[in-house]
Amino acid sequence: MTVMDEKILHRQLQILEGTYPDVAPQLKFDSPFELLVAVILSAQCTDKRVNLVTRQLFPIANTPEKILRLGQSPLEEIIRPCGLSNSKAKHIFAAAQILLDDYDGNVPNNFDALIKLPGVGRKTANVVLSVAFKVPAIAVDTHVFRLANRLKLAEGKTPLEVERGLQKIVPRDKWSDTHHRLIWHGRQICTARNPKCSACPLSKICPSSKA
């Protein structure tokens, strides 16, 4: 990578920071366990729909103990609007049991422990670390993966390649905020289909711009 290339990449990050100075996750939660459940539910589902479902779920079952007391079948029925309810209910129920058995009902705050929980991959583990425990992390979802490649911030064929690439170019103390900024930009402007290049503040330095 040339010095000029690096300058362009850092300029892209500066523009994103200026465009989205106050970023925050859209999922609603009041504890690390609630966040864990919400992120598991968010797979192939919008945050808006997840929030509607957890608004019904969390008042009656927002801890591992209460999830187990509720039962897997009732849990599956409640989360049905999120899609993939059978597998998601199994994962949440199994994770709740492990948390009770091995962690006194608490969500662990380290990556290796999180990723061993049912239904938890790298993205989910990084979101929980970043949002619940304020540990610098870059969670690569579909938006982050798409934008990192389009902007050439971090090109890769897999989420892991993109994650490692972003870790190299983004200062560690800005990993979490950059993750949220890329998501916001991906949802509002740099959409998967028909990106709004003419309205994009990055259009003049974006290698994929059609403006």
Protein backbone atom coordinates (compact mmCIF):
# COMPACT_ATOMS: atom_id res chain seq x y z
CA MET A 1 0.00 0.00 0.00
CA THR A 2 1.38 3.40 -1.00
CA VAL A 3 1.48 6.44 1.26
CA MET A 4 -1.22 8.02 -0.92
CA ASP A 5 -3.45 4.97 -0.53
CA GLU A 6 -3.09 5.15 3.25
CA LYS A 7 -3.93 8.86 3.23
CA ILE A 8 -7.12 8.16 1.27
CA LEU A 9 -8.17 5.39 3.64
CA HIS A 10 -7.59 7.57 6.69
CA ARG A 11 -9.48 10.41 5.01
CA GLN A 12 -12.42 8.05 4.48
CA LEU A 13 -12.40 7.22 8.18
CA GLN A 14 -12.26 10.93 9.08
CA ILE A 15 -15.28 11.67 6.87
CA LEU A 16 -17.25 8.80 8.38
CA GLU A 17 -16.40 10.07 11.87
CA GLY A 18 -17.53 13.58 10.97
CA THR A 19 -20.71 12.34 9.32
CA TYR A 20 -21.69 10.01 12.16
CA PRO A 21 -20.12 11.51 15.31
CA ASP A 22 -22.55 9.97 17.78
CA VAL A 23 -23.03 6.33 16.93
CA ALA A 24 -24.78 3.74 19.03
CA PRO A 25 -26.19 0.26 18.60
CA GLN A 26 -29.85 0.09 17.60
CA LEU A 27 -30.67 -3.04 19.59
CA LYS A 28 -32.42 -2.32 22.89
CA PHE A 29 -31.00 -4.03 25.98
CA ASP A 30 -30.35 -3.49 29.69
CA SER A 31 -27.78 -6.20 30.42
CA PRO A 32 -25.07 -8.23 28.68
CA PHE A 33 -27.42 -11.24 28.59
CA GLU A 34 -30.19 -9.23 26.95
CA LEU A 35 -27.69 -8.00 24.37
CA LEU A 36 -26.45 -11.54 23.72
CA VAL A 37 -30.01 -12.73 23.11
CA ALA A 38 -30.81 -9.74 20.90
CA VAL A 39 -27.72 -10.25 18.73
CA ILE A 40 -28.50 -13.95 18.30
CA LEU A 41 -32.02 -12.97 17.23
CA SER A 42 -30.69 -10.37 14.79
CA ALA A 43 -29.26 -12.97 12.40
CA GLN A 44 -31.06 -12.43 9.07
CA CYS A 45 -33.45 -10.07 10.83
CA THR A 46 -33.68 -6.30 11.24
CA ASP A 47 -32.86 -4.60 14.53
CA LYS A 48 -36.30 -2.98 14.43
CA ARG A 49 -38.06 -6.34 14.39
CA VAL A 50 -35.75 -7.75 17.07
CA ASN A 51 -36.60 -4.82 19.33
CA LEU A 52 -40.32 -5.50 18.86
CA VAL A 53 -39.80 -9.14 19.83
CA THR A 54 -37.54 -8.47 22.82
CA ARG A 55 -40.08 -5.94 24.05
CA GLN A 56 -42.35 -8.95 24.53
CA LEU A 57 -39.65 -11.38 25.67
CA PHE A 58 -37.50 -9.47 28.15
CA PRO A 59 -40.26 -8.51 30.62
CA ILE A 60 -40.84 -12.22 31.26
CA ALA A 61 -37.45 -13.78 30.48
CA ASN A 62 -34.32 -11.63 30.53
CA THR A 63 -31.91 -13.84 32.49
CA PRO A 64 -30.60 -17.36 31.89
CA GLU A 65 -32.72 -18.66 34.79
CA LYS A 66 -35.91 -17.11 33.41
CA ILE A 67 -35.19 -18.38 29.88
CA LEU A 68 -34.89 -21.93 31.19
CA ARG A 69 -37.99 -21.51 33.31
CA LEU A 70 -39.90 -20.22 30.27
CA GLY A 71 -39.02 -23.31 28.24
CA GLN A 72 -37.72 -23.78 24.72
CA SER A 73 -41.08 -24.19 22.97
CA PRO A 74 -42.67 -21.03 24.43
CA LEU A 75 -39.43 -19.18 23.66
CA GLU A 76 -39.59 -20.35 20.06
CA GLU A 77 -43.15 -19.09 19.74
CA ILE A 78 -42.29 -15.63 21.09
CA ILE A 79 -39.28 -15.14 18.82
CA ARG A 80 -40.98 -16.58 15.69
CA PRO A 81 -41.26 -13.12 14.00
CA CYS A 82 -37.44 -12.94 13.91
CA GLY A 83 -37.23 -15.96 11.63
CA LEU A 84 -35.21 -19.15 12.13
CA SER A 85 -37.03 -19.41 15.44
CA ASN A 86 -36.34 -23.12 15.94
CA SER A 87 -32.57 -22.86 15.73
CA LYS A 88 -32.41 -19.51 17.53
CA ALA A 89 -34.51 -20.83 20.42
CA LYS A 90 -32.26 -23.90 20.70
CA HIS A 91 -29.16 -21.72 20.75
CA ILE A 92 -30.51 -19.27 23.32
CA PHE A 93 -31.81 -22.07 25.55
CA ALA A 94 -28.52 -24.00 25.36
CA ALA A 95 -26.46 -20.85 25.94
CA ALA A 96 -28.54 -20.00 28.99
CA GLN A 97 -27.84 -23.44 30.46
CA ILE A 98 -24.08 -23.10 29.86
CA LEU A 99 -24.02 -19.64 31.42
CA LEU A 100 -25.71 -21.02 34.54
CA ASP A 101 -23.52 -24.10 34.73
CA ASP A 102 -20.15 -22.52 33.97
CA TYR A 103 -20.40 -18.76 34.61
CA ASP A 104 -22.84 -18.32 37.51
CA GLY A 105 -25.39 -16.96 35.07
CA ASN A 106 -23.10 -14.18 33.82
CA VAL A 107 -22.05 -13.50 30.25
CA PRO A 108 -18.26 -13.91 29.98
CA ASN A 109 -16.30 -10.86 28.87
CA ASN A 110 -13.68 -12.62 26.77
CA PHE A 111 -13.80 -13.69 23.14
CA ASP A 112 -12.73 -17.32 23.53
CA ALA A 113 -15.46 -18.04 26.07
CA LEU A 114 -18.15 -16.21 24.13
CA ILE A 115 -17.48 -17.93 20.84
CA LYS A 116 -17.97 -21.34 22.48
CA LEU A 117 -21.59 -20.51 23.30
CA PRO A 118 -24.23 -21.97 20.97
CA GLY A 119 -25.28 -19.54 18.25
CA VAL A 120 -22.33 -17.23 18.87
CA GLY A 121 -19.89 -16.61 16.03
CA ARG A 122 -17.17 -14.01 15.64
CA LYS A 123 -19.62 -11.23 14.82
CA THR A 124 -21.85 -11.86 17.82
CA ALA A 125 -18.90 -12.26 20.18
CA ASN A 126 -17.35 -9.01 18.96
CA VAL A 127 -20.64 -7.11 19.30
CA VAL A 128 -21.09 -8.30 22.88
CA LEU A 129 -17.49 -7.47 23.77
CA SER A 130 -17.67 -4.06 22.15
CA VAL A 131 -21.11 -2.91 23.29
CA ALA A 132 -21.61 -4.65 26.64
CA PHE A 133 -18.04 -4.61 27.95
CA LYS A 134 -16.45 -1.70 26.04
CA VAL A 135 -13.67 -3.92 24.70
CA PRO A 136 -12.35 -2.60 21.34
CA ALA A 137 -13.67 -4.92 18.62
CA ILE A 138 -14.78 -4.85 15.00
CA ALA A 139 -17.81 -6.99 14.27
CA VAL A 140 -18.10 -7.72 10.55
CA ASP A 141 -21.72 -8.03 9.50
CA THR A 142 -23.03 -7.73 5.93
CA HIS A 143 -22.82 -3.92 5.97
CA VAL A 144 -19.28 -3.77 7.32
CA PHE A 145 -18.16 -6.49 4.89
CA ARG A 146 -19.70 -4.68 1.90
CA LEU A 147 -18.38 -1.22 2.75
CA ALA A 148 -14.90 -2.36 3.70
CA ASN A 149 -14.56 -3.95 0.26
CA ARG A 150 -16.21 -1.10 -1.67
CA LEU A 151 -14.10 1.55 0.00
CA LYS A 152 -11.05 -0.73 -0.10
CA LEU A 153 -10.55 -0.06 3.59
CA ALA A 154 -10.03 -3.79 3.96
CA GLU A 155 -10.57 -6.10 1.03
CA GLY A 156 -11.30 -9.73 1.77
CA LYS A 157 -13.35 -12.71 0.69
CA THR A 158 -14.33 -13.67 4.23
CA PRO A 159 -15.49 -11.70 7.28
CA LEU A 160 -12.34 -12.75 9.13
CA GLU A 161 -10.10 -11.34 6.38
CA VAL A 162 -12.03 -8.06 6.49
CA GLU A 163 -11.91 -7.95 10.28
CA ARG A 164 -8.14 -8.38 10.33
CA GLY A 165 -7.71 -5.84 7.55
CA LEU A 166 -9.77 -3.22 9.37
CA GLN A 167 -7.82 -3.84 12.56
CA LYS A 168 -4.67 -2.85 10.69
CA ILE A 169 -5.97 0.41 9.23
CA VAL A 170 -8.28 1.60 12.05
CA PRO A 171 -6.77 2.79 15.35
CA ARG A 172 -7.65 0.33 18.11
CA ASP A 173 -9.46 2.93 20.20
CA LYS A 174 -11.79 3.57 17.25
CA TRP A 175 -12.57 -0.04 16.32
CA SER A 176 -16.01 -0.12 17.94
CA ASP A 177 -17.17 3.29 16.71
CA THR A 178 -15.94 2.57 13.19
CA HIS A 179 -17.96 -0.66 13.19
CA HIS A 180 -21.12 1.31 14.04
CA ARG A 181 -20.34 4.07 11.50
CA LEU A 182 -19.93 1.57 8.69
CA ILE A 183 -23.26 -0.01 9.62
CA TRP A 184 -25.04 3.35 9.68
CA HIS A 185 -23.54 4.34 6.34
CA GLY A 186 -24.41 0.96 4.84
CA ARG A 187 -28.02 1.21 5.93
CA GLN A 188 -28.60 4.81 4.92
CA ILE A 189 -26.45 5.45 1.86
CA CYS A 190 -24.14 2.67 0.72
CA THR A 191 -26.90 0.10 0.37
CA ALA A 192 -26.37 -3.32 -1.18
CA ARG A 193 -28.49 -2.44 -4.20
CA ASN A 194 -28.55 0.99 -5.80
CA PRO A 195 -26.18 2.78 -3.41
CA LYS A 196 -26.88 6.51 -3.16
CA CYS A 197 -23.47 7.59 -4.49
CA SER A 198 -24.67 11.09 -5.44
CA ALA A 199 -25.58 11.75 -1.78
CA CYS A 200 -22.49 10.11 -0.31
CA PRO A 201 -19.91 12.30 1.48
CA LEU A 202 -17.26 9.77 0.42
CA SER A 203 -18.09 9.81 -3.29
CA LYS A 204 -15.07 11.88 -4.35
CA ILE A 205 -12.57 9.46 -2.82
CA CYS A 206 -14.50 6.20 -3.02
CA PRO A 207 -12.96 3.79 -5.56
CA SER A 208 -16.39 2.28 -6.21
CA SER A 209 -18.34 5.53 -6.58
CA LYS A 210 -20.77 5.85 -9.47
CA ALA A 211 -21.42 9.54 -8.84
